[in-house]
């Protein structure tokens, strides 16, 4: 009798496990040590903040005054990151950081020593807002750099010791370059936001492809600002690398509104078509995070939530989101594939043209 009761108890436990298995599949690797905090009881919304934010505060080292918009990736059982850091001269550069838990970080004393493809030093005058990802056996980083104006810088590494800068993908002016984590039809894919020479008062997301990371073409419009949703009425820009899911490419992005007190940056999300990512399948009409906490509202540039990186675990569907806060701190937030995809679909508010290939306006 005892054995029978034990059997049904185990059966019930296994059924419970099946019930909580993610319905939305992540086509990523398992990440058992992903940083995580359960959703607070009674909290409404698909994305919740880490209770110990900010995870990187001001003056993280004696030399660095502020670290904020940054990129994080799993590496050799732990985590490594490329961070936007600013010293007392105020010039942004990229620094390498390491962590065992993706929350507590240590940073190298000097900025990343880039070289060109012949091995000669090729250090940018400035570098900011990096993204970092792995494609096949190589790690790539892309950032905003100097190239006779703000443009996209691109580099690769296999060991985080030698960082080789590649050709700049585009002429100025361009920001928010984001590579896809795998090739599609044998091509590298890149999201970017063409801009002007100033602090752009406009901006749409475009998709480009390349056979070799040197020559880029087949540019397609993905989506633009929306005047009927004020939180993204001025401009938008891609955030972390898109996450491949069974529903399509999950893209977190920032949307900007204009107020009498300046710009406000919030975080939104959409789902792009898996085979043709210039087509938007679903686009959430409401923001996921907007500046509300002190570290988001008060800082060098107030009222900024700027997502730049994610970690995800295929087994549980957990997603950890890293974002810059007020150009002064790094914040961490959480969601799950099931919860965020369901929320986006239930609050879908695509704009006219979002669901087209993006060759021209119609």
Protein backbone atom coordinates (compact mmCIF):
# COMPACT_ATOMS: atom_id res chain seq x y z
CA UNK A 1 0.00 0.00 0.00
CA UNK A 2 2.82 2.36 0.90
CA UNK A 3 4.50 1.70 -2.45
CA UNK A 4 1.27 2.48 -4.33
CA UNK A 5 0.80 5.78 -2.48
CA UNK A 6 4.41 6.69 -3.12
CA UNK A 7 3.97 5.94 -6.83
CA UNK A 8 0.94 8.25 -7.13
CA UNK A 9 2.76 10.93 -5.17
CA UNK A 10 5.69 10.83 -7.60
CA UNK A 11 3.28 10.77 -10.55
CA UNK A 12 1.58 13.90 -9.24
CA UNK A 13 4.94 15.61 -8.79
CA UNK A 14 5.95 14.78 -12.37
CA UNK A 15 2.61 16.03 -13.66
CA UNK A 16 3.16 19.26 -11.78
CA UNK A 17 6.53 19.63 -13.47
CA UNK A 18 4.90 19.14 -16.87
CA UNK A 19 2.30 21.77 -16.06
CA UNK A 20 4.97 24.42 -15.49
CA UNK A 21 7.09 23.54 -18.51
CA UNK A 22 7.38 26.59 -20.79
CA UNK A 23 4.87 26.69 -23.62
CA UNK A 24 7.00 29.10 -25.64
CA UNK A 25 10.23 27.38 -26.61
CA UNK A 26 13.53 29.24 -26.50
CA UNK A 27 16.00 28.16 -29.16
CA UNK A 28 18.93 28.96 -26.92
CA UNK A 29 21.18 26.99 -24.58
CA UNK A 30 20.35 25.90 -21.07
CA UNK A 31 21.74 28.29 -18.47
CA UNK A 32 21.36 26.71 -15.05
CA UNK A 33 23.11 29.59 -13.27
CA UNK A 34 21.04 32.39 -14.80
CA UNK A 35 20.48 35.16 -12.23
CA UNK A 36 16.90 35.00 -11.03
CA UNK A 37 14.40 36.39 -8.57
CA UNK A 38 10.79 35.24 -8.46
CA UNK A 39 8.02 37.64 -9.36
CA UNK A 40 6.83 39.54 -6.27
CA UNK A 41 3.50 38.38 -4.96
CA UNK A 42 0.69 40.57 -6.23
CA UNK A 43 2.88 42.26 -8.84
CA UNK A 44 1.11 43.07 -12.10
CA UNK A 45 3.00 43.22 -15.37
CA UNK A 46 5.23 40.85 -17.32
CA UNK A 47 8.61 42.34 -16.29
CA UNK A 48 9.77 42.92 -12.72
CA UNK A 49 12.86 44.61 -11.32
CA UNK A 50 15.55 42.97 -9.19
CA UNK A 51 14.98 44.07 -5.60
CA UNK A 52 18.68 44.89 -5.09
CA UNK A 53 18.98 47.26 -8.06
CA UNK A 54 21.12 48.92 -9.18
CA UNK A 55 23.58 46.04 -9.50
CA UNK A 56 26.36 48.43 -10.59
CA UNK A 57 26.42 51.73 -8.76
CA UNK A 58 28.40 54.93 -9.33
CA UNK A 59 32.19 54.89 -8.97
CA UNK A 60 32.52 51.10 -9.33
CA UNK A 61 36.33 51.48 -9.41
CA UNK A 62 38.74 54.25 -8.47
CA UNK A 63 39.16 55.15 -12.14
CA UNK A 64 35.59 54.77 -13.41
CA UNK A 65 32.82 57.16 -12.38
CA UNK A 66 29.84 55.57 -14.15
CA UNK A 67 28.97 52.30 -15.85
CA UNK A 68 25.58 51.92 -17.48
CA UNK A 69 24.49 50.70 -20.96
CA UNK A 70 26.30 47.37 -21.10
CA UNK A 71 26.37 43.85 -22.57
CA UNK A 72 26.57 40.51 -20.73
CA UNK A 73 27.06 36.92 -21.95
CA UNK A 74 27.74 33.45 -20.44
CA UNK A 75 31.39 32.42 -20.67
CA UNK A 76 33.26 29.36 -19.38
CA UNK A 77 30.68 28.54 -16.72
CA UNK A 78 30.52 32.13 -15.47
CA UNK A 79 29.81 35.47 -17.14
CA UNK A 80 31.68 38.14 -19.02
CA UNK A 81 30.56 41.58 -20.11
CA UNK A 82 31.49 44.60 -22.19
CA UNK A 83 30.56 47.74 -20.32
CA UNK A 84 30.13 51.38 -21.23
CA UNK A 85 32.33 53.17 -18.71
CA UNK A 86 33.26 56.80 -18.26
CA UNK A 87 36.25 58.20 -16.39
CA UNK A 88 36.70 61.73 -15.08
CA UNK A 89 37.31 63.06 -18.60
CA UNK A 90 33.75 62.04 -19.51
CA UNK A 91 34.75 60.15 -22.67
CA UNK A 92 32.95 56.80 -22.93
CA UNK A 93 35.03 53.69 -23.59
CA UNK A 94 34.45 49.94 -23.40
CA UNK A 95 35.73 47.91 -20.46
CA UNK A 96 35.73 44.19 -19.81
CA UNK A 97 34.02 42.85 -16.68
CA UNK A 98 33.75 39.37 -15.15
CA UNK A 99 31.31 37.80 -12.72
CA UNK A 100 30.50 34.44 -11.16
CA UNK A 101 26.80 35.20 -10.71
CA UNK A 102 26.12 37.93 -13.33
CA UNK A 103 25.22 40.33 -10.52
CA UNK A 104 28.48 41.15 -8.74
CA UNK A 105 31.13 42.37 -11.17
CA UNK A 106 34.84 43.12 -11.25
CA UNK A 107 36.33 45.27 -14.01
CA UNK A 108 39.65 45.46 -15.78
CA UNK A 109 41.66 48.59 -15.14
CA UNK A 110 42.21 49.56 -18.77
CA UNK A 111 39.74 49.83 -21.65
CA UNK A 112 39.62 47.10 -24.29
CA UNK A 113 42.82 47.22 -26.45
CA UNK A 114 41.38 46.84 -29.94
CA UNK A 115 43.63 45.98 -32.90
CA UNK A 116 42.95 45.97 -36.63
CA UNK A 117 42.99 42.85 -38.77
CA UNK A 118 46.75 43.11 -39.23
CA UNK A 119 47.31 43.26 -35.47
CA UNK A 120 48.08 46.97 -35.22
CA UNK A 121 46.48 49.07 -32.44
CA UNK A 122 43.09 50.44 -33.50
CA UNK A 123 41.57 52.09 -30.45
CA UNK A 124 38.43 54.21 -30.96
CA UNK A 125 38.29 57.84 -29.90
CA UNK A 126 35.07 56.99 -28.07
CA UNK A 127 32.86 53.92 -27.75
CA UNK A 128 29.50 53.43 -26.09
CA UNK A 129 26.31 51.33 -25.87
CA UNK A 130 27.84 47.92 -26.72
CA UNK A 131 26.03 44.72 -27.59
CA UNK A 132 27.72 41.33 -27.30
CA UNK A 133 26.78 37.91 -28.64
CA UNK A 134 28.16 34.63 -29.92
CA UNK A 135 27.65 33.45 -33.51
CA UNK A 136 28.96 29.93 -34.10
CA UNK A 137 32.45 29.87 -32.50
CA UNK A 138 33.12 33.61 -32.41
CA UNK A 139 32.05 36.42 -30.08
CA UNK A 140 31.08 39.71 -31.70
CA UNK A 141 30.57 43.12 -30.18
CA UNK A 142 29.02 46.12 -31.85
CA UNK A 143 28.84 49.65 -30.47
CA UNK A 144 28.52 53.33 -31.36
CA UNK A 145 31.91 54.69 -32.36
CA UNK A 146 33.65 57.59 -34.10
CA UNK A 147 33.85 57.39 -37.89
CA UNK A 148 33.70 61.02 -39.02
CA UNK A 149 30.54 61.13 -36.97
CA UNK A 150 28.61 58.65 -34.86
CA UNK A 151 28.65 55.25 -36.57
CA UNK A 152 28.70 51.53 -35.79
CA UNK A 153 31.89 49.84 -34.66
CA UNK A 154 32.27 46.08 -35.02
CA UNK A 155 34.83 43.70 -33.50
CA UNK A 156 35.35 39.99 -32.85
CA UNK A 157 37.17 37.81 -30.34
CA UNK A 158 37.42 34.12 -29.49
CA UNK A 159 39.18 34.39 -26.13
CA UNK A 160 38.40 37.89 -24.76
CA UNK A 161 42.12 38.61 -24.93
CA UNK A 162 42.54 39.71 -28.54
CA UNK A 163 39.86 42.04 -29.90
CA UNK A 164 39.98 42.55 -33.67
CA UNK A 165 38.09 45.47 -35.14
CA UNK A 166 36.38 44.81 -38.46
CA UNK A 167 35.24 47.23 -41.11
CA UNK A 168 32.59 49.72 -40.03
CA UNK A 169 29.27 48.36 -41.33
CA UNK A 170 27.82 51.73 -42.42
CA UNK A 171 28.72 55.35 -42.96
CA UNK A 172 27.59 57.91 -40.35
CA UNK A 173 25.17 58.51 -38.85
CA UNK A 174 23.94 55.34 -37.22
CA UNK A 175 23.37 53.93 -33.73
CA UNK A 176 21.89 50.95 -31.90
CA UNK A 177 23.50 48.27 -34.03
CA UNK A 178 22.35 44.78 -32.99
CA UNK A 179 23.41 41.49 -34.60
CA UNK A 180 21.22 38.39 -34.69
CA UNK A 181 22.60 35.35 -32.81
CA UNK A 182 22.63 33.14 -35.91
CA UNK A 183 22.72 33.44 -39.67
CA UNK A 184 19.46 33.33 -41.60
CA UNK A 185 19.73 31.72 -45.06
CA UNK A 186 23.50 31.90 -44.70
CA UNK A 187 23.53 35.66 -44.06
CA UNK A 188 24.44 37.74 -41.02
CA UNK A 189 21.57 40.01 -39.97
CA UNK A 190 21.89 43.39 -38.32
CA UNK A 191 19.38 45.84 -36.88
CA UNK A 192 20.34 49.52 -36.78
CA UNK A 193 18.88 52.99 -36.49
CA UNK A 194 20.05 55.56 -39.05
CA UNK A 195 20.17 58.99 -37.47
CA UNK A 196 21.48 62.52 -37.87
CA UNK A 197 24.53 64.21 -36.41
CA UNK A 198 22.88 65.33 -33.20
CA UNK A 199 20.87 63.69 -30.45
CA UNK A 200 18.44 62.31 -32.97
CA UNK A 201 14.89 63.67 -32.68
CA UNK A 202 13.69 60.79 -34.88
CA UNK A 203 14.61 57.22 -35.70
CA UNK A 204 13.28 53.96 -37.12
CA UNK A 205 14.72 50.44 -36.90
CA UNK A 206 16.08 48.93 -40.13
CA UNK A 207 17.31 45.42 -41.01
CA UNK A 208 20.39 44.74 -43.17
CA UNK A 209 22.13 41.54 -44.24
CA UNK A 210 25.68 40.55 -45.15
CA UNK A 211 27.43 37.42 -46.43
CA UNK A 212 30.73 38.29 -44.73
CA UNK A 213 30.26 41.13 -42.17
CA UNK A 214 31.92 43.50 -44.66
CA UNK A 215 29.39 44.19 -47.38
CA UNK A 216 25.89 45.06 -46.22
CA UNK A 217 22.73 45.39 -48.27
CA UNK A 218 19.08 44.42 -48.80
CA UNK A 219 18.11 47.06 -46.26
CA UNK A 220 14.57 46.70 -44.96
CA UNK A 221 12.45 48.91 -42.73
CA UNK A 222 11.28 47.06 -39.62
CA UNK A 223 9.27 49.58 -37.63
CA UNK A 224 9.17 53.21 -36.59
CA UNK A 225 7.82 55.49 -33.89
CA UNK A 226 4.12 55.60 -33.14
CA UNK A 227 2.38 58.90 -32.51
CA UNK A 228 -0.63 57.25 -30.88
CA UNK A 229 1.61 55.67 -28.21
CA UNK A 230 3.44 58.54 -26.58
CA UNK A 231 6.06 56.42 -24.84
CA UNK A 232 7.60 55.64 -28.27
CA UNK A 233 6.43 58.66 -30.24
CA UNK A 234 9.84 60.28 -30.91
CA UNK A 235 12.14 57.40 -31.85
CA UNK A 236 12.94 53.77 -31.13
CA UNK A 237 16.07 51.61 -31.13
CA UNK A 238 16.85 47.92 -30.88
CA UNK A 239 18.10 46.71 -27.51
CA UNK A 240 19.61 43.28 -26.76
CA UNK A 241 20.24 40.70 -29.48
CA UNK A 242 16.94 39.17 -30.62
CA UNK A 243 16.00 35.93 -28.85
CA UNK A 244 14.86 33.08 -31.09
CA UNK A 245 11.62 31.53 -29.88
CA UNK A 246 8.96 29.20 -31.25
CA UNK A 247 6.82 32.32 -31.86
CA UNK A 248 9.51 34.26 -33.75
CA UNK A 249 12.35 36.61 -32.79
CA UNK A 250 11.68 38.27 -29.44
CA UNK A 251 13.12 41.78 -29.52
CA UNK A 252 13.33 44.13 -26.55
CA UNK A 253 13.81 47.74 -27.61
CA UNK A 254 13.70 51.28 -26.24
CA UNK A 255 11.09 53.86 -27.10
CA UNK A 256 11.50 57.58 -26.51
CA UNK A 257 8.91 60.22 -25.70
CA UNK A 258 9.40 63.97 -25.65
CA UNK A 259 8.29 65.93 -22.62
CA UNK A 260 8.67 69.53 -21.40
CA UNK A 261 11.51 68.16 -19.25
CA UNK A 262 13.35 66.35 -22.07
CA UNK A 263 13.38 62.82 -23.44
CA UNK A 264 12.09 59.80 -21.51
CA UNK A 265 13.39 56.32 -22.44
CA UNK A 266 11.21 53.27 -21.77
CA UNK A 267 11.47 49.58 -22.67
CA UNK A 268 9.12 47.81 -25.06
CA UNK A 269 9.07 44.52 -26.96
CA UNK A 270 7.91 42.96 -30.21
CA UNK A 271 8.06 39.63 -32.05
CA UNK A 272 9.61 39.52 -35.53
CA UNK A 273 9.00 36.90 -38.18
CA UNK A 274 11.55 34.10 -37.87
CA UNK A 275 12.37 33.75 -41.57
CA UNK A 276 11.93 37.40 -42.57
CA UNK A 277 12.61 39.58 -39.50
CA UNK A 278 11.65 42.80 -41.25
CA UNK A 279 8.06 41.66 -40.72
CA UNK A 280 6.63 42.46 -37.29
CA UNK A 281 4.24 39.74 -36.11
CA UNK A 282 3.29 41.35 -32.80
CA UNK A 283 4.21 44.66 -31.21
CA UNK A 284 3.27 45.56 -27.68
CA UNK A 285 1.41 48.87 -27.49
CA UNK A 286 2.41 49.54 -23.87
CA UNK A 287 5.84 49.88 -22.32
CA UNK A 288 7.25 47.09 -20.15
CA UNK A 289 9.39 49.32 -17.94
CA UNK A 290 9.49 53.09 -17.69
CA UNK A 291 11.52 55.27 -15.29
CA UNK A 292 9.94 54.94 -11.85
CA UNK A 293 12.71 54.05 -9.40
CA UNK A 294 15.19 56.63 -8.08
CA UNK A 295 18.11 55.12 -10.03
CA UNK A 296 16.10 55.43 -13.28
CA UNK A 297 14.74 58.92 -12.65
CA UNK A 298 17.82 60.59 -11.17
CA UNK A 299 21.27 60.51 -12.71
CA UNK A 300 23.59 62.01 -15.32
CA UNK A 301 20.75 61.76 -17.85
CA UNK A 302 17.49 61.43 -15.94
CA UNK A 303 14.50 59.28 -16.89
CA UNK A 304 16.23 56.53 -18.85
CA UNK A 305 15.56 52.77 -19.06
CA UNK A 306 17.84 51.47 -21.83
CA UNK A 307 17.93 47.66 -22.39
CA UNK A 308 21.19 46.30 -23.83
CA UNK A 309 21.53 42.60 -22.93
CA UNK A 310 19.64 39.47 -21.92
CA UNK A 311 20.46 36.07 -20.50
CA UNK A 312 18.03 33.22 -21.09
CA UNK A 313 17.58 29.62 -20.01
CA UNK A 314 16.05 27.22 -22.51
CA UNK A 315 14.88 24.74 -19.85
CA UNK A 316 12.86 27.11 -17.67
CA UNK A 317 12.13 29.91 -20.15
CA UNK A 318 13.62 32.44 -17.72
CA UNK A 319 14.96 35.70 -19.14
CA UNK A 320 17.15 38.21 -17.29
CA UNK A 321 17.27 41.71 -18.81
CA UNK A 322 20.14 44.17 -18.23
CA UNK A 323 19.44 47.84 -18.74
CA UNK A 324 21.14 51.18 -18.29
CA UNK A 325 19.45 53.48 -15.80
CA UNK A 326 19.70 57.29 -16.02
CA UNK A 327 23.10 56.96 -17.77
CA UNK A 328 24.53 56.27 -14.32
CA UNK A 329 23.73 52.71 -13.20
CA UNK A 330 23.04 49.16 -14.39
CA UNK A 331 19.68 47.63 -13.53
CA UNK A 332 18.44 44.06 -13.79
CA UNK A 333 14.90 42.85 -14.51
CA UNK A 334 13.23 39.48 -15.09
CA UNK A 335 10.52 37.83 -17.14
CA UNK A 336 9.73 34.44 -18.69
CA UNK A 337 9.24 33.51 -22.33
CA UNK A 338 5.64 32.45 -21.67
CA UNK A 339 4.71 35.60 -19.80
CA UNK A 340 6.33 38.13 -22.11
CA UNK A 341 5.17 36.53 -25.36
CA UNK A 342 1.61 36.20 -24.06
CA UNK A 343 1.62 39.83 -22.92
CA UNK A 344 2.92 41.09 -26.28
CA UNK A 345 0.29 39.14 -28.21
CA UNK A 346 -2.53 40.23 -25.90
CA UNK A 347 -1.46 43.89 -26.21
CA UNK A 348 -0.57 43.83 -29.89
CA UNK A 349 -0.77 47.28 -31.47
CA UNK A 350 1.17 47.14 -34.70
CA UNK A 351 1.42 50.29 -36.76
CA UNK A 352 0.56 50.46 -40.44
CA UNK A 353 3.35 48.85 -42.44
CA UNK A 354 4.87 46.91 -39.53
CA UNK A 355 3.68 43.61 -40.99
CA UNK A 356 5.13 44.24 -44.48
CA UNK A 357 8.55 43.30 -45.84
CA UNK A 358 9.73 46.89 -45.41
CA UNK A 359 10.91 47.75 -48.93
CA UNK A 360 8.95 50.98 -49.23
CA UNK A 361 6.02 52.81 -47.68
CA UNK A 362 2.58 51.82 -48.91
